[in-house]
Amino acid sequence: MSNESVQSQVRGHFRIFLGVLALAVVSGVATIVSDGPLIPVVLIIAAVQATLVLAFLMHAKSEGSWVRGTLAFCGVFLIVLFSIAVLAQSDRIEGTESISAPAAADEAEEH
């Protein structure tokens, strides 16, 4: 490999690193600033970060179709699982909002 080729690859990897770092900062700022439900936003940012790392730093974009198909299946499966988690958080049983777990101190006094 020539010196120019190595420098080009290092610059590309550095750009991906900066992109992942910027997305981490955006995710952190979003958690500090936001008052609303944040799980979908953070999961989307994490998915973009994982895609960048997988495609460029782990060189999955240059793999064969079998590897890319397996990764795509795993990505779809993850999206389904994330969707179930988000939907489960929004599914509440009516009348249970005010029920709280007993304090640990109360349980310790009973024993």
Protein backbone atom coordinates (compact mmCIF):
# COMPACT_ATOMS: atom_id res chain seq x y z
CA MET A 1 0.00 0.00 0.00
CA SER A 2 1.19 3.43 -0.83
CA ASN A 3 1.48 6.16 1.73
CA GLU A 4 -1.31 8.15 0.05
CA SER A 5 -3.65 5.16 0.21
CA VAL A 6 -3.01 4.68 3.91
CA GLN A 7 -3.54 8.38 4.60
CA SER A 8 -6.81 8.28 2.67
CA GLN A 9 -8.03 5.32 4.72
CA VAL A 10 -7.01 6.99 7.99
CA ARG A 11 -8.88 10.17 7.00
CA GLY A 12 -11.98 8.11 6.18
CA HIS A 13 -11.85 6.25 9.49
CA PHE A 14 -11.32 9.53 11.33
CA ARG A 15 -14.43 11.01 9.64
CA ILE A 16 -16.49 8.02 10.71
CA PHE A 17 -15.13 8.37 14.25
CA LEU A 18 -16.11 12.05 14.29
CA GLY A 19 -19.58 11.17 12.98
CA VAL A 20 -20.12 8.56 15.69
CA LEU A 21 -18.79 10.96 18.31
CA ALA A 22 -21.09 13.76 17.08
CA LEU A 23 -24.07 11.41 17.23
CA ALA A 24 -23.12 10.45 20.80
CA VAL A 25 -23.05 14.13 21.74
CA VAL A 26 -26.44 14.69 20.06
CA SER A 27 -27.85 11.72 21.98
CA GLY A 28 -26.47 13.05 25.26
CA VAL A 29 -27.78 16.57 24.67
CA ALA A 30 -31.17 15.17 23.69
CA THR A 31 -31.46 13.28 26.97
CA ILE A 32 -30.58 16.39 28.96
CA VAL A 33 -32.81 18.83 27.07
CA SER A 34 -35.88 16.71 26.30
CA ASP A 35 -38.91 16.41 28.53
CA GLY A 36 -40.87 13.97 26.37
CA PRO A 37 -40.48 10.30 25.52
CA LEU A 38 -36.93 9.88 24.34
CA ILE A 39 -36.48 6.16 23.77
CA PRO A 40 -37.32 6.16 20.04
CA VAL A 41 -34.97 9.07 19.33
CA VAL A 42 -32.07 7.52 21.22
CA LEU A 43 -32.65 4.15 19.56
CA ILE A 44 -32.62 5.72 16.09
CA ILE A 45 -29.37 7.55 16.88
CA ALA A 46 -27.85 4.32 18.21
CA ALA A 47 -28.93 2.47 15.07
CA VAL A 48 -27.25 5.08 12.87
CA GLN A 49 -24.09 4.82 14.96
CA ALA A 50 -24.09 1.03 14.72
CA THR A 51 -24.64 1.18 10.96
CA LEU A 52 -21.71 3.55 10.50
CA VAL A 53 -19.39 1.38 12.55
CA LEU A 54 -20.56 -1.84 10.94
CA ALA A 55 -20.43 -0.62 7.36
CA PHE A 56 -17.20 1.34 7.41
CA LEU A 57 -15.01 0.40 10.36
CA MET A 58 -15.87 -3.30 10.22
CA HIS A 59 -15.88 -3.26 6.38
CA ALA A 60 -19.25 -5.02 6.11
CA LYS A 61 -20.15 -2.97 3.03
CA SER A 62 -17.58 -4.90 1.01
CA GLU A 63 -18.71 -8.36 2.16
CA GLY A 64 -20.70 -10.87 0.14
CA SER A 65 -24.47 -10.93 -0.21
CA TRP A 66 -24.88 -13.72 2.36
CA VAL A 67 -23.20 -11.64 5.09
CA ARG A 68 -25.14 -8.51 4.14
CA GLY A 69 -28.40 -10.49 4.12
CA THR A 70 -27.69 -11.90 7.56
CA LEU A 71 -26.90 -8.42 8.89
CA ALA A 72 -30.08 -7.05 7.31
CA PHE A 73 -32.13 -9.81 8.96
CA CYS A 74 -30.54 -9.00 12.32
CA GLY A 75 -31.29 -5.31 11.79
CA VAL A 76 -34.95 -6.00 11.03
CA PHE A 77 -35.16 -8.30 14.05
CA LEU A 78 -33.69 -5.56 16.25
CA ILE A 79 -36.19 -3.03 14.92
CA VAL A 80 -39.03 -5.42 15.79
CA LEU A 81 -37.66 -5.90 19.32
CA PHE A 82 -37.17 -2.15 19.81
CA SER A 83 -40.73 -1.56 18.60
CA ILE A 84 -42.07 -4.08 21.10
CA ALA A 85 -40.14 -2.35 23.90
CA VAL A 86 -41.46 1.09 22.92
CA LEU A 87 -45.03 -0.17 22.60
CA ALA A 88 -44.81 -2.02 25.93
CA GLN A 89 -43.75 1.17 27.67
CA SER A 90 -46.80 3.00 26.39
CA ASP A 91 -49.22 0.18 27.29
CA ARG A 92 -50.44 0.87 30.82
CA ILE A 93 -53.21 -0.84 32.79
CA GLU A 94 -55.80 1.70 33.89
CA GLY A 95 -55.88 2.42 37.60
CA THR A 96 -52.32 1.28 38.34
CA GLU A 97 -50.60 4.64 37.99
CA SER A 98 -50.80 5.36 41.74
CA ILE A 99 -49.70 1.92 42.93
CA SER A 100 -46.17 1.95 44.25
CA ALA A 101 -43.89 -0.83 45.42
CA PRO A 102 -43.45 -1.18 49.20
CA ALA A 103 -40.40 0.48 50.59
CA ALA A 104 -37.42 -1.71 51.41
CA ALA A 105 -37.36 -0.34 54.97
CA ASP A 106 -40.91 -1.57 55.60
CA GLU A 107 -39.98 -5.07 54.45
CA ALA A 108 -36.85 -5.10 56.62
CA GLU A 109 -38.87 -4.22 59.73
CA GLU A 110 -41.17 -7.21 59.19
CA HIS A 111 -38.29 -9.67 59.42
